[in-house]
C-alpha cells in the first residue's frame, strides 16, 4: 500500500538550544535560508507524501504561518523582476503539500504525540519524521523506508551505526540482515546502559508504521520517572512479533536540537548551496588560517 501520510512531531521545548528557542521554535531555526522543518516537509513531498500533520504546542503558531501564504509580502515582491526567484520560493512554502496542524496539549512524550494523530491517519500506514532531525540525501530517506514497507509489509525504522559511546543517548537494536541495507529487528532497548547494548544501530529520525501501532501505544503505560509514553515501547512490541524491519539509510543526518548539530548543518549545507557555496568555501579556507 502506498504511503501518503506523514506526521512531524514538533511540540518539544528545545531546551538544548536555549536561549535561541525561547521565542522561536527550534524547528524554525534556519539552515542557511530555510527553517529546519521546511527541509523535513520537502523530504516528505519528494517521497510522494501528500498529507502532512505537524504536531505543535502552545507558542508555535509561527510554524503554521510559515506554511501559509503571506499576502502582504507576496504583493510587495510581485512586479519586481529582480525578486522573482524570492517570490517563487516564498509562494512554494504554501503549496508544498496538504499540511495540517494539531496541538499536543500535554507534554507526554513522542508516543503520546503520535497518538494525537490517530484520526488523521485512520487505517493507513504512515511515516513519522522527527522534528529534530534534518536528513540531507539525494534519495529521500523517508522514501527509502516507504519502499521497504511496501516490499515487506512490516513497520520500518531508519537507522545508522553510531559510536558505541553515543548509543546510550539513543537506543540499541537487535538486528539480523535481510537484504541489502534492510534488516529484521528483534528487540529495541531505549537509552541502554553500556552492558545492554545489542548493536550500535540506533533509530535516527525516521520511521514508517502500520496503523495497528496506535493500539500498542494506547496499551503502553507512561514511564514511571518521566511520565512520558515512549513510541519505542510500541515499536519494540512490533519487533517481538516479527513485524519490524530497519533500513540503514543513505543520507546525512543533523540533530537540530543540538547546538553543534545546528552549526554542522549550516556549514555543510552552505558549502553545497548554489548561491553562496563557492564564496563560503573560500571564506572558510581563509578563516581556518587564523586559528
C-alpha atoms as a PDB file:
ATOM      1  CA  UNK A   1       0.000   0.000   0.000  1.00  0.00           C
ATOM      2  CA  UNK A   2       1.444   3.377  -1.000  1.00  0.00           C
ATOM      3  CA  UNK A   3       2.171   5.662   1.938  1.00  0.00           C
ATOM      4  CA  UNK A   4       0.764   9.169   1.514  1.00  0.00           C
ATOM      5  CA  UNK A   5       0.599  10.463   5.100  1.00  0.00           C
ATOM      6  CA  UNK A   6       3.304  11.682   7.443  1.00  0.00           C
ATOM      7  CA  UNK A   7       3.408  13.028  10.983  1.00  0.00           C
ATOM      8  CA  UNK A   8       6.011  15.555  12.109  1.00  0.00           C
ATOM      9  CA  UNK A   9       6.103  15.851  15.925  1.00  0.00           C
ATOM     10  CA  UNK A  10       7.222  19.427  16.643  1.00  0.00           C
ATOM     11  CA  UNK A  11       5.990  20.008  20.176  1.00  0.00           C
ATOM     12  CA  UNK A  12       9.304  19.844  22.027  1.00  0.00           C
ATOM     13  CA  UNK A  13      10.517  22.823  24.035  1.00  0.00           C
ATOM     14  CA  UNK A  14      14.035  22.913  22.587  1.00  0.00           C
ATOM     15  CA  UNK A  15      15.771  23.152  25.947  1.00  0.00           C
ATOM     16  CA  UNK A  16      19.100  22.019  24.489  1.00  0.00           C
ATOM     17  CA  UNK A  17      19.337  25.103  22.287  1.00  0.00           C
ATOM     18  CA  UNK A  18      18.132  27.779  24.696  1.00  0.00           C
ATOM     19  CA  UNK A  19      18.040  30.758  24.648  1.00  0.00           C
ATOM     20  CA  UNK A  20      17.633  30.603  20.838  1.00  0.00           C
ATOM     21  CA  UNK A  21      14.442  28.572  21.221  1.00  0.00           C
ATOM     22  CA  UNK A  22      12.897  30.775  23.921  1.00  0.00           C
ATOM     23  CA  UNK A  23      10.728  32.730  21.473  1.00  0.00           C
ATOM     24  CA  UNK A  24      11.495  30.926  18.180  1.00  0.00           C
ATOM     25  CA  UNK A  25      10.568  27.220  17.888  1.00  0.00           C
ATOM     26  CA  UNK A  26      13.703  25.156  17.314  1.00  0.00           C
ATOM     27  CA  UNK A  27      12.033  23.720  14.217  1.00  0.00           C
ATOM     28  CA  UNK A  28      12.123  27.246  12.764  1.00  0.00           C
ATOM     29  CA  UNK A  29      15.846  27.751  13.303  1.00  0.00           C
ATOM     30  CA  UNK A  30      17.373  28.199   9.886  1.00  0.00           C
ATOM     31  CA  UNK A  31      19.764  26.111   7.848  1.00  0.00           C
ATOM     32  CA  UNK A  32      21.207  28.790   5.557  1.00  0.00           C
ATOM     33  CA  UNK A  33      17.982  30.227   4.065  1.00  0.00           C
ATOM     34  CA  UNK A  34      15.217  27.824   5.115  1.00  0.00           C
ATOM     35  CA  UNK A  35      13.890  26.750   8.524  1.00  0.00           C
ATOM     36  CA  UNK A  36      14.734  23.220   9.567  1.00  0.00           C
ATOM     37  CA  UNK A  37      11.152  21.994   9.373  1.00  0.00           C
ATOM     38  CA  UNK A  38      10.887  23.009   5.707  1.00  0.00           C
ATOM     39  CA  UNK A  39      13.680  20.572   4.845  1.00  0.00           C
ATOM     40  CA  UNK A  40      11.661  17.808   6.538  1.00  0.00           C
ATOM     41  CA  UNK A  41       8.461  18.725   4.696  1.00  0.00           C
ATOM     42  CA  UNK A  42      10.338  18.873   1.382  1.00  0.00           C
ATOM     43  CA  UNK A  43      11.781  15.411   2.036  1.00  0.00           C
ATOM     44  CA  UNK A  44       8.280  14.040   2.593  1.00  0.00           C
ATOM     45  CA  UNK A  45       6.973  15.661  -0.588  1.00  0.00           C
ATOM     46  CA  UNK A  46       9.916  14.345  -2.625  1.00  0.00           C
ATOM     47  CA  UNK A  47       8.998  10.840  -1.421  1.00  0.00           C
ATOM     48  CA  UNK A  48       5.432  11.155  -2.722  1.00  0.00           C
ATOM     49  CA  UNK A  49       3.733  12.003   0.577  1.00  0.00           C
ATOM     50  CA  UNK A  50       0.772  14.324   0.019  1.00  0.00           C
ATOM     51  CA  UNK A  51      -0.734  14.839   3.505  1.00  0.00           C
ATOM     52  CA  UNK A  52       1.340  16.006   6.456  1.00  0.00           C
ATOM     53  CA  UNK A  53       0.236  16.585  10.044  1.00  0.00           C
ATOM     54  CA  UNK A  54       2.532  18.763  12.131  1.00  0.00           C
ATOM     55  CA  UNK A  55       2.033  18.321  15.867  1.00  0.00           C
ATOM     56  CA  UNK A  56       2.780  21.527  17.734  1.00  0.00           C
ATOM     57  CA  UNK A  57       2.014  23.055  21.107  1.00  0.00           C
ATOM     58  CA  UNK A  58       1.444  26.479  22.606  1.00  0.00           C
ATOM     59  CA  UNK A  59       3.677  29.205  21.206  1.00  0.00           C
ATOM     60  CA  UNK A  60       4.457  27.556  17.865  1.00  0.00           C
ATOM     61  CA  UNK A  61       1.939  29.315  15.645  1.00  0.00           C
ATOM     62  CA  UNK A  62       4.824  30.715  13.595  1.00  0.00           C
ATOM     63  CA  UNK A  63       5.209  27.239  12.043  1.00  0.00           C
ATOM     64  CA  UNK A  64       1.667  27.492  10.715  1.00  0.00           C
ATOM     65  CA  UNK A  65       2.374  30.994   9.412  1.00  0.00           C
ATOM     66  CA  UNK A  66       5.431  29.776   7.540  1.00  0.00           C
ATOM     67  CA  UNK A  67       3.433  27.252   5.517  1.00  0.00           C
ATOM     68  CA  UNK A  68       0.655  29.752   4.771  1.00  0.00           C
ATOM     69  CA  UNK A  69       0.524  32.489   2.146  1.00  0.00           C
ATOM     70  CA  UNK A  70       1.973  35.853   3.229  1.00  0.00           C
ATOM     71  CA  UNK A  71      -0.132  38.090   1.025  1.00  0.00           C
ATOM     72  CA  UNK A  72       1.443  41.395   2.073  1.00  0.00           C
ATOM     73  CA  UNK A  73       4.939  40.059   1.414  1.00  0.00           C
ATOM     74  CA  UNK A  74       3.947  38.413  -1.873  1.00  0.00           C
ATOM     75  CA  UNK A  75       2.264  41.597  -3.071  1.00  0.00           C
ATOM     76  CA  UNK A  76       5.371  43.618  -2.243  1.00  0.00           C
ATOM     77  CA  UNK A  77       7.581  41.214  -4.222  1.00  0.00           C
ATOM     78  CA  UNK A  78       5.306  40.947  -7.255  1.00  0.00           C
ATOM     79  CA  UNK A  79       6.217  43.108 -10.202  1.00  0.00           C
ATOM     80  CA  UNK A  80       9.875  43.320  -9.182  1.00  0.00           C
ATOM     81  CA  UNK A  81      11.778  41.263 -11.742  1.00  0.00           C
ATOM     82  CA  UNK A  82      14.882  41.091  -9.546  1.00  0.00           C
ATOM     83  CA  UNK A  83      12.812  39.464  -6.785  1.00  0.00           C
ATOM     84  CA  UNK A  84      11.126  36.823  -8.986  1.00  0.00           C
ATOM     85  CA  UNK A  85      13.099  33.886  -7.570  1.00  0.00           C
ATOM     86  CA  UNK A  86      12.475  35.035  -3.997  1.00  0.00           C
ATOM     87  CA  UNK A  87       8.746  35.352  -4.714  1.00  0.00           C
ATOM     88  CA  UNK A  88       8.714  31.855  -6.195  1.00  0.00           C
ATOM     89  CA  UNK A  89      10.398  30.431  -3.076  1.00  0.00           C
ATOM     90  CA  UNK A  90       8.044  32.299  -0.724  1.00  0.00           C
ATOM     91  CA  UNK A  91       4.942  31.057  -2.537  1.00  0.00           C
ATOM     92  CA  UNK A  92       6.269  27.490  -2.719  1.00  0.00           C
ATOM     93  CA  UNK A  93       6.115  27.119   1.076  1.00  0.00           C
ATOM     94  CA  UNK A  94       2.318  27.332   0.971  1.00  0.00           C
ATOM     95  CA  UNK A  95       1.945  24.853  -1.865  1.00  0.00           C
ATOM     96  CA  UNK A  96       4.243  22.002  -0.885  1.00  0.00           C
ATOM     97  CA  UNK A  97       1.532  19.600   0.317  1.00  0.00           C
ATOM     98  CA  UNK A  98      -1.719  19.377   2.260  1.00  0.00           C
ATOM     99  CA  UNK A  99      -0.378  20.473   5.645  1.00  0.00           C
ATOM    100  CA  UNK A 100      -2.463  20.204   8.802  1.00  0.00           C
ATOM    101  CA  UNK A 101      -1.784  21.139  12.414  1.00  0.00           C
ATOM    102  CA  UNK A 102      -2.845  19.847  15.808  1.00  0.00           C
ATOM    103  CA  UNK A 103      -1.647  20.732  19.287  1.00  0.00           C
ATOM    104  CA  UNK A 104      -0.259  18.255  21.779  1.00  0.00           C
ATOM    105  CA  UNK A 105      -1.819  19.916  24.815  1.00  0.00           C
ATOM    106  CA  UNK A 106       0.266  17.959  27.310  1.00  0.00           C
ATOM    107  CA  UNK A 107       3.953  17.130  27.006  1.00  0.00           C
ATOM    108  CA  UNK A 108       3.745  13.372  27.406  1.00  0.00           C
ATOM    109  CA  UNK A 109       6.385  12.131  25.015  1.00  0.00           C
ATOM    110  CA  UNK A 110       6.681  11.002  21.426  1.00  0.00           C
ATOM    111  CA  UNK A 111       4.261   8.106  21.783  1.00  0.00           C
ATOM    112  CA  UNK A 112       1.538  10.430  23.058  1.00  0.00           C
ATOM    113  CA  UNK A 113       2.277  12.918  20.260  1.00  0.00           C
ATOM    114  CA  UNK A 114       1.866  10.210  17.610  1.00  0.00           C
ATOM    115  CA  UNK A 115      -1.368   9.078  19.270  1.00  0.00           C
ATOM    116  CA  UNK A 116      -2.733  12.595  18.727  1.00  0.00           C
ATOM    117  CA  UNK A 117      -2.643  11.775  15.006  1.00  0.00           C
ATOM    118  CA  UNK A 118      -4.822   8.658  15.174  1.00  0.00           C
ATOM    119  CA  UNK A 119      -7.876  10.204  13.493  1.00  0.00           C
ATOM    120  CA  UNK A 120      -5.675  11.813  10.830  1.00  0.00           C
ATOM    121  CA  UNK A 121      -4.036   8.511   9.920  1.00  0.00           C
ATOM    122  CA  UNK A 122      -7.099   6.262  10.015  1.00  0.00           C
ATOM    123  CA  UNK A 123      -6.392   2.732   8.770  1.00  0.00           C
ATOM    124  CA  UNK A 124      -3.360   3.586   6.626  1.00  0.00           C
ATOM    125  CA  UNK A 125       0.368   3.068   7.185  1.00  0.00           C
ATOM    126  CA  UNK A 126       2.149   6.348   7.863  1.00  0.00           C
ATOM    127  CA  UNK A 127       5.543   7.939   8.316  1.00  0.00           C
ATOM    128  CA  UNK A 128       6.833   9.671  11.437  1.00  0.00           C
ATOM    129  CA  UNK A 129       9.524  12.260  10.741  1.00  0.00           C
ATOM    130  CA  UNK A 130      11.078  13.573  13.929  1.00  0.00           C
ATOM    131  CA  UNK A 131      11.101  17.380  14.047  1.00  0.00           C
ATOM    132  CA  UNK A 132      14.641  17.491  15.478  1.00  0.00           C
ATOM    133  CA  UNK A 133      16.193  15.569  12.604  1.00  0.00           C
ATOM    134  CA  UNK A 134      17.025  17.034   9.217  1.00  0.00           C
ATOM    135  CA  UNK A 135      18.441  14.430   6.834  1.00  0.00           C
ATOM    136  CA  UNK A 136      20.036  15.514   3.574  1.00  0.00           C
ATOM    137  CA  UNK A 137      20.114  12.916   0.781  1.00  0.00           C
ATOM    138  CA  UNK A 138      19.585  12.595  -2.948  1.00  0.00           C
ATOM    139  CA  UNK A 139      17.085   9.773  -2.377  1.00  0.00           C
ATOM    140  CA  UNK A 140      14.632  10.958   0.329  1.00  0.00           C
ATOM    141  CA  UNK A 141      15.207   8.857   3.423  1.00  0.00           C
ATOM    142  CA  UNK A 142      11.521   8.541   4.236  1.00  0.00           C
ATOM    143  CA  UNK A 143      11.086   7.250   0.690  1.00  0.00           C
ATOM    144  CA  UNK A 144      13.724   4.594   1.311  1.00  0.00           C
ATOM    145  CA  UNK A 145      11.693   3.435   4.329  1.00  0.00           C
ATOM    146  CA  UNK A 146       8.396   3.558   2.452  1.00  0.00           C
ATOM    147  CA  UNK A 147       9.768   1.240  -0.219  1.00  0.00           C
ATOM    148  CA  UNK A 148      10.850  -1.238   2.446  1.00  0.00           C
ATOM    149  CA  UNK A 149       7.375  -1.110   3.999  1.00  0.00           C
ATOM    150  CA  UNK A 150       5.710  -1.677   0.652  1.00  0.00           C
ATOM    151  CA  UNK A 151       8.016  -4.649  -0.069  1.00  0.00           C
ATOM    152  CA  UNK A 152       7.824  -6.477   3.276  1.00  0.00           C
ATOM    153  CA  UNK A 153       4.553  -5.213   4.768  1.00  0.00           C
ATOM    154  CA  UNK A 154       6.160  -4.516   8.145  1.00  0.00           C
ATOM    155  CA  UNK A 155       6.965  -1.373  10.101  1.00  0.00           C
ATOM    156  CA  UNK A 156      10.349   0.164   9.280  1.00  0.00           C
ATOM    157  CA  UNK A 157      12.792   2.234  11.318  1.00  0.00           C
ATOM    158  CA  UNK A 158      15.585   4.314   9.811  1.00  0.00           C
ATOM    159  CA  UNK A 159      18.903   3.520  11.484  1.00  0.00           C
ATOM    160  CA  UNK A 160      22.591   4.341  11.338  1.00  0.00           C
ATOM    161  CA  UNK A 161      25.535   2.950  13.249  1.00  0.00           C
ATOM    162  CA  UNK A 162      26.670   5.455  15.869  1.00  0.00           C
ATOM    163  CA  UNK A 163      29.821   5.401  18.024  1.00  0.00           C
ATOM    164  CA  UNK A 164      29.394   2.915  20.844  1.00  0.00           C
ATOM    165  CA  UNK A 165      29.811   5.635  23.451  1.00  0.00           C
ATOM    166  CA  UNK A 166      26.852   7.511  21.925  1.00  0.00           C
ATOM    167  CA  UNK A 167      24.410   4.569  21.827  1.00  0.00           C
ATOM    168  CA  UNK A 168      23.119   5.262  25.394  1.00  0.00           C
ATOM    169  CA  UNK A 169      21.845   8.644  24.128  1.00  0.00           C
ATOM    170  CA  UNK A 170      19.590   6.899  21.617  1.00  0.00           C
ATOM    171  CA  UNK A 171      18.606   3.235  21.523  1.00  0.00           C
ATOM    172  CA  UNK A 172      20.134  -0.108  20.616  1.00  0.00           C
ATOM    173  CA  UNK A 173      18.630  -2.648  18.203  1.00  0.00           C
ATOM    174  CA  UNK A 174      18.998  -6.409  17.946  1.00  0.00           C
ATOM    175  CA  UNK A 175      19.055  -6.983  14.172  1.00  0.00           C
ATOM    176  CA  UNK A 176      19.818  -9.643  11.568  1.00  0.00           C
ATOM    177  CA  UNK A 177      20.381  -8.986   7.830  1.00  0.00           C
ATOM    178  CA  UNK A 178      17.533  -9.431   5.337  1.00  0.00           C
ATOM    179  CA  UNK A 179      18.552  -7.920   2.013  1.00  0.00           C
ATOM    180  CA  UNK A 180      20.853  -5.071   1.069  1.00  0.00           C
ATOM    181  CA  UNK A 181      20.565  -2.352   3.711  1.00  0.00           C
ATOM    182  CA  UNK A 182      17.389  -3.890   5.216  1.00  0.00           C
ATOM    183  CA  UNK A 183      17.473  -5.837   8.485  1.00  0.00           C
ATOM    184  CA  UNK A 184      14.947  -7.614  10.677  1.00  0.00           C
ATOM    185  CA  UNK A 185      14.564  -6.076  14.137  1.00  0.00           C
ATOM    186  CA  UNK A 186      14.058  -8.441  17.083  1.00  0.00           C
ATOM    187  CA  UNK A 187      14.357  -6.113  20.063  1.00  0.00           C
ATOM    188  CA  UNK A 188      14.920  -2.459  20.968  1.00  0.00           C
ATOM    189  CA  UNK A 189      16.300  -1.021  24.200  1.00  0.00           C
ATOM    190  CA  UNK A 190      15.766   2.719  24.735  1.00  0.00           C
ATOM    191  CA  UNK A 191      18.782   4.550  26.209  1.00  0.00           C
ATOM    192  CA  UNK A 192      20.603   1.329  27.123  1.00  0.00           C
ATOM    193  CA  UNK A 193      23.355   1.050  29.683  1.00  0.00           C
ATOM    194  CA  UNK A 194      26.736   0.070  28.195  1.00  0.00           C
ATOM    195  CA  UNK A 195      26.061  -3.523  29.278  1.00  0.00           C
ATOM    196  CA  UNK A 196      22.691  -3.596  27.482  1.00  0.00           C
ATOM    197  CA  UNK A 197      23.964  -2.530  24.054  1.00  0.00           C
ATOM    198  CA  UNK A 198      22.963  -5.154  21.478  1.00  0.00           C
ATOM    199  CA  UNK A 199      24.394  -3.331  18.446  1.00  0.00           C
ATOM    200  CA  UNK A 200      25.498   0.172  17.523  1.00  0.00           C
ATOM    201  CA  UNK A 201      22.489   0.650  15.264  1.00  0.00           C
ATOM    202  CA  UNK A 202      20.216   3.403  16.586  1.00  0.00           C
ATOM    203  CA  UNK A 203      16.955   4.848  15.267  1.00  0.00           C
ATOM    204  CA  UNK A 204      17.620   8.330  13.886  1.00  0.00           C
ATOM    205  CA  UNK A 205      14.631  10.423  12.987  1.00  0.00           C
ATOM    206  CA  UNK A 206      12.505   8.417  10.543  1.00  0.00           C
ATOM    207  CA  UNK A 207      10.054   5.532  10.954  1.00  0.00           C
ATOM    208  CA  UNK A 208       7.155   4.097   8.942  1.00  0.00           C
ATOM    209  CA  UNK A 209       4.485   2.314  10.938  1.00  0.00           C
ATOM    210  CA  UNK A 210       1.288   0.319  10.424  1.00  0.00           C
ATOM    211  CA  UNK A 211      -1.965   1.725  11.859  1.00  0.00           C
ATOM    212  CA  UNK A 212      -2.021  -1.135  14.395  1.00  0.00           C
ATOM    213  CA  UNK A 213       0.683   0.723  16.320  1.00  0.00           C
ATOM    214  CA  UNK A 214      -1.967   3.028  17.807  1.00  0.00           C
ATOM    215  CA  UNK A 215      -3.457   0.130  19.782  1.00  0.00           C
ATOM    216  CA  UNK A 216       0.023  -0.675  21.083  1.00  0.00           C
ATOM    217  CA  UNK A 217       0.631   2.932  22.121  1.00  0.00           C
ATOM    218  CA  UNK A 218      -2.698   3.033  23.962  1.00  0.00           C
ATOM    219  CA  UNK A 219      -1.637  -0.077  25.885  1.00  0.00           C
ATOM    220  CA  UNK A 220       1.768   1.402  26.767  1.00  0.00           C
ATOM    221  CA  UNK A 221       1.975   2.751  30.330  1.00  0.00           C
ATOM    222  CA  UNK A 222       3.795   6.051  30.888  1.00  0.00           C
ATOM    223  CA  UNK A 223       7.365   5.809  32.080  1.00  0.00           C
ATOM    224  CA  UNK A 224       7.430   5.898  35.885  1.00  0.00           C
ATOM    225  CA  UNK A 225      10.180   8.519  36.054  1.00  0.00           C
ATOM    226  CA  UNK A 226       9.368  10.882  33.206  1.00  0.00           C
ATOM    227  CA  UNK A 227       5.637  10.280  32.832  1.00  0.00           C
ATOM    228  CA  UNK A 228       6.169  10.082  29.063  1.00  0.00           C
ATOM    229  CA  UNK A 229       4.741   7.482  26.701  1.00  0.00           C
ATOM    230  CA  UNK A 230       7.592   6.155  24.575  1.00  0.00           C
ATOM    231  CA  UNK A 231       6.983   5.302  20.929  1.00  0.00           C
ATOM    232  CA  UNK A 232       9.942   2.941  21.234  1.00  0.00           C
ATOM    233  CA  UNK A 233       7.917   0.659  23.530  1.00  0.00           C
ATOM    234  CA  UNK A 234       5.246   0.168  20.863  1.00  0.00           C
ATOM    235  CA  UNK A 235       7.862  -0.389  18.147  1.00  0.00           C
ATOM    236  CA  UNK A 236       9.611  -2.905  20.407  1.00  0.00           C
ATOM    237  CA  UNK A 237       6.366  -4.888  20.607  1.00  0.00           C
ATOM    238  CA  UNK A 238       6.188  -4.927  16.797  1.00  0.00           C
ATOM    239  CA  UNK A 239       9.771  -6.202  16.735  1.00  0.00           C
ATOM    240  CA  UNK A 240       8.988  -9.039  19.153  1.00  0.00           C
ATOM    241  CA  UNK A 241       6.092 -10.047  16.909  1.00  0.00           C
ATOM    242  CA  UNK A 242       8.439 -10.205  13.922  1.00  0.00           C
ATOM    243  CA  UNK A 243       6.736  -7.192  12.327  1.00  0.00           C
ATOM    244  CA  UNK A 244       9.511  -4.584  12.300  1.00  0.00           C
ATOM    245  CA  UNK A 245      12.447  -4.029   9.954  1.00  0.00           C
ATOM    246  CA  UNK A 246      15.265  -1.500   9.861  1.00  0.00           C
ATOM    247  CA  UNK A 247      16.887   0.296   6.926  1.00  0.00           C
ATOM    248  CA  UNK A 248      20.450   1.558   7.205  1.00  0.00           C
ATOM    249  CA  UNK A 249      19.529   4.661   5.247  1.00  0.00           C
ATOM    250  CA  UNK A 250      21.613   6.632   2.792  1.00  0.00           C
ATOM    251  CA  UNK A 251      21.781  10.228   3.985  1.00  0.00           C
ATOM    252  CA  UNK A 252      23.471  12.699   6.338  1.00  0.00           C
ATOM    253  CA  UNK A 253      21.520  13.410   9.499  1.00  0.00           C
ATOM    254  CA  UNK A 254      21.742  16.623  11.502  1.00  0.00           C
ATOM    255  CA  UNK A 255      20.450  16.910  15.065  1.00  0.00           C
ATOM    256  CA  UNK A 256      18.702  20.292  15.092  1.00  0.00           C
ATOM    257  CA  UNK A 257      18.032  20.016  18.811  1.00  0.00           C
ATOM    258  CA  UNK A 258      21.766  20.241  19.424  1.00  0.00           C
ATOM    259  CA  UNK A 259      23.947  23.350  19.091  1.00  0.00           C
ATOM    260  CA  UNK A 260      26.774  21.529  17.331  1.00  0.00           C
ATOM    261  CA  UNK A 261      24.290  19.787  15.029  1.00  0.00           C
ATOM    262  CA  UNK A 262      22.851  23.162  14.012  1.00  0.00           C
ATOM    263  CA  UNK A 263      26.291  24.527  13.202  1.00  0.00           C
ATOM    264  CA  UNK A 264      27.263  21.412  11.217  1.00  0.00           C
ATOM    265  CA  UNK A 265      24.042  21.612   9.220  1.00  0.00           C
ATOM    266  CA  UNK A 266      24.543  25.279   8.353  1.00  0.00           C
ATOM    267  CA  UNK A 267      28.188  24.829   7.430  1.00  0.00           C
ATOM    268  CA  UNK A 268      27.780  21.716   5.277  1.00  0.00           C
ATOM    269  CA  UNK A 269      24.591  22.837   3.539  1.00  0.00           C
ATOM    270  CA  UNK A 270      26.154  26.245   2.861  1.00  0.00           C
ATOM    271  CA  UNK A 271      29.134  24.588   1.163  1.00  0.00           C
ATOM    272  CA  UNK A 272      26.760  22.967  -1.325  1.00  0.00           C
ATOM    273  CA  UNK A 273      24.436  25.948  -1.752  1.00  0.00           C
ATOM    274  CA  UNK A 274      24.160  27.061  -5.377  1.00  0.00           C
ATOM    275  CA  UNK A 275      24.119  30.744  -4.468  1.00  0.00           C
ATOM    276  CA  UNK A 276      26.800  31.041  -1.778  1.00  0.00           C
ATOM    277  CA  UNK A 277      28.666  27.700  -1.844  1.00  0.00           C
ATOM    278  CA  UNK A 278      31.859  28.794  -3.619  1.00  0.00           C
ATOM    279  CA  UNK A 279      32.165  32.078  -1.726  1.00  0.00           C
ATOM    280  CA  UNK A 280      31.571  30.326   1.593  1.00  0.00           C
ATOM    281  CA  UNK A 281      34.205  27.717   0.770  1.00  0.00           C
ATOM    282  CA  UNK A 282      36.785  30.452   0.085  1.00  0.00           C
ATOM    283  CA  UNK A 283      35.773  32.222   3.287  1.00  0.00           C
ATOM    284  CA  UNK A 284      36.340  29.057   5.332  1.00  0.00           C
ATOM    285  CA  UNK A 285      39.741  28.487   3.747  1.00  0.00           C
ATOM    286  CA  UNK A 286      40.843  31.915   4.835  1.00  0.00           C
ATOM    287  CA  UNK A 287      39.186  31.659   8.237  1.00  0.00           C
ATOM    288  CA  UNK A 288      40.972  28.445   9.254  1.00  0.00           C
ATOM    289  CA  UNK A 289      44.325  30.089   8.590  1.00  0.00           C
ATOM    290  CA  UNK A 290      43.637  32.423  11.524  1.00  0.00           C
ATOM    291  CA  UNK A 291      43.141  29.620  14.080  1.00  0.00           C
END
